[in-house]
Amino acid sequence: MKLRINPLASDIIISIYVIATLFLRFKYENITNVSPMLSIVMGICFVVIIWVLIKLNILNPNWFGLLNYNKK
């Protein structure tokens, strides 16, 4: 049995994840002197985590209905 999260819950989880990671990155960068390259690598790592969850079909984003395709 595969774990699948419905589209609305996936959208909410992704939104919270993006806001939380951006907040943590900005807070961490202000506390310590972080080079821009390290900041970029951290951002890429956070994006890769979400990308893998979407590719494994655990998260099924609907992008809050913005990308509804007409199924005929």
C-alpha atoms as a PDB file:
ATOM      1  CA  MET A   1       0.000   0.000   0.000  1.00  0.00           C
ATOM      2  CA  LYS A   2       1.403   3.319  -1.070  1.00  0.00           C
ATOM      3  CA  LEU A   3       1.016   6.438   1.010  1.00  0.00           C
ATOM      4  CA  ARG A   4      -0.786   9.132  -0.998  1.00  0.00           C
ATOM      5  CA  ILE A   5      -1.904  12.470   0.332  1.00  0.00           C
ATOM      6  CA  ASN A   6      -4.856  14.185  -1.308  1.00  0.00           C
ATOM      7  CA  PRO A   7      -4.190  17.310  -3.432  1.00  0.00           C
ATOM      8  CA  LEU A   8      -5.497  19.941  -1.023  1.00  0.00           C
ATOM      9  CA  ALA A   9      -3.515  18.525   1.906  1.00  0.00           C
ATOM     10  CA  SER A  10      -0.445  18.291  -0.351  1.00  0.00           C
ATOM     11  CA  ASP A  11      -0.794  21.958  -1.298  1.00  0.00           C
ATOM     12  CA  ILE A  12      -1.061  22.963   2.352  1.00  0.00           C
ATOM     13  CA  ILE A  13       1.923  20.818   3.385  1.00  0.00           C
ATOM     14  CA  ILE A  14       4.076  22.202   0.566  1.00  0.00           C
ATOM     15  CA  SER A  15       3.095  25.796   1.411  1.00  0.00           C
ATOM     16  CA  ILE A  16       3.901  25.357   5.100  1.00  0.00           C
ATOM     17  CA  TYR A  17       7.175  23.604   4.222  1.00  0.00           C
ATOM     18  CA  VAL A  18       8.293  26.389   1.878  1.00  0.00           C
ATOM     19  CA  ILE A  19       7.430  29.156   4.360  1.00  0.00           C
ATOM     20  CA  ALA A  20       9.123  27.311   7.252  1.00  0.00           C
ATOM     21  CA  THR A  21      12.302  26.554   5.305  1.00  0.00           C
ATOM     22  CA  LEU A  22      12.582  30.130   4.047  1.00  0.00           C
ATOM     23  CA  PHE A  23      12.103  31.426   7.595  1.00  0.00           C
ATOM     24  CA  LEU A  24      14.737  29.030   8.944  1.00  0.00           C
ATOM     25  CA  ARG A  25      17.187  29.888   6.175  1.00  0.00           C
ATOM     26  CA  PHE A  26      16.856  33.642   6.719  1.00  0.00           C
ATOM     27  CA  LYS A  27      17.064  33.280  10.494  1.00  0.00           C
ATOM     28  CA  TYR A  28      20.112  30.980  10.267  1.00  0.00           C
ATOM     29  CA  GLU A  29      21.851  33.276   7.788  1.00  0.00           C
ATOM     30  CA  ASN A  30      21.336  36.305  10.031  1.00  0.00           C
ATOM     31  CA  ILE A  31      22.678  34.545  13.130  1.00  0.00           C
ATOM     32  CA  THR A  32      25.811  33.200  11.439  1.00  0.00           C
ATOM     33  CA  ASN A  33      27.878  34.472   8.562  1.00  0.00           C
ATOM     34  CA  VAL A  34      26.922  32.088   5.801  1.00  0.00           C
ATOM     35  CA  SER A  35      28.405  32.329   2.352  1.00  0.00           C
ATOM     36  CA  PRO A  36      25.981  32.778  -0.549  1.00  0.00           C
ATOM     37  CA  MET A  37      27.059  29.430  -2.007  1.00  0.00           C
ATOM     38  CA  LEU A  38      26.093  27.589   1.185  1.00  0.00           C
ATOM     39  CA  SER A  39      22.741  29.355   1.173  1.00  0.00           C
ATOM     40  CA  ILE A  40      22.111  28.242  -2.416  1.00  0.00           C
ATOM     41  CA  VAL A  41      23.070  24.649  -1.568  1.00  0.00           C
ATOM     42  CA  MET A  42      20.717  24.644   1.432  1.00  0.00           C
ATOM     43  CA  GLY A  43      17.892  25.963  -0.746  1.00  0.00           C
ATOM     44  CA  ILE A  44      18.517  23.318  -3.400  1.00  0.00           C
ATOM     45  CA  CYS A  45      18.489  20.571  -0.751  1.00  0.00           C
ATOM     46  CA  PHE A  46      15.131  21.782   0.577  1.00  0.00           C
ATOM     47  CA  VAL A  47      13.674  21.858  -2.946  1.00  0.00           C
ATOM     48  CA  VAL A  48      15.019  18.380  -3.746  1.00  0.00           C
ATOM     49  CA  ILE A  49      13.207  16.944  -0.707  1.00  0.00           C
ATOM     50  CA  ILE A  50       9.855  18.246  -1.982  1.00  0.00           C
ATOM     51  CA  TRP A  51      10.661  17.186  -5.551  1.00  0.00           C
ATOM     52  CA  VAL A  52      11.388  13.596  -4.439  1.00  0.00           C
ATOM     53  CA  LEU A  53       8.130  13.410  -2.462  1.00  0.00           C
ATOM     54  CA  ILE A  54       6.195  14.585  -5.528  1.00  0.00           C
ATOM     55  CA  LYS A  55       7.998  12.144  -7.861  1.00  0.00           C
ATOM     56  CA  LEU A  56       7.262   9.256  -5.472  1.00  0.00           C
ATOM     57  CA  ASN A  57       3.577  10.292  -5.619  1.00  0.00           C
ATOM     58  CA  ILE A  58       3.421  10.773  -1.874  1.00  0.00           C
ATOM     59  CA  LEU A  59       2.509  14.416  -2.393  1.00  0.00           C
ATOM     60  CA  ASN A  60       0.008  15.145  -5.153  1.00  0.00           C
ATOM     61  CA  PRO A  61      -0.089  18.913  -5.561  1.00  0.00           C
ATOM     62  CA  ASN A  62      -2.931  20.536  -7.408  1.00  0.00           C
ATOM     63  CA  TRP A  63      -1.361  23.984  -6.985  1.00  0.00           C
ATOM     64  CA  PHE A  64      -4.603  25.176  -5.375  1.00  0.00           C
ATOM     65  CA  GLY A  65      -6.557  24.508  -8.560  1.00  0.00           C
ATOM     66  CA  LEU A  66      -4.386  26.660 -10.799  1.00  0.00           C
ATOM     67  CA  LEU A  67      -3.333  23.788 -13.040  1.00  0.00           C
ATOM     68  CA  ASN A  68      -6.621  22.000 -13.552  1.00  0.00           C
ATOM     69  CA  TYR A  69      -6.489  20.118 -16.791  1.00  0.00           C
ATOM     70  CA  ASN A  70      -9.711  19.342 -18.593  1.00  0.00           C
ATOM     71  CA  LYS A  71     -10.061  15.578 -18.801  1.00  0.00           C
ATOM     72  CA  LYS A  72     -12.110  14.484 -21.792  1.00  0.00           C
END
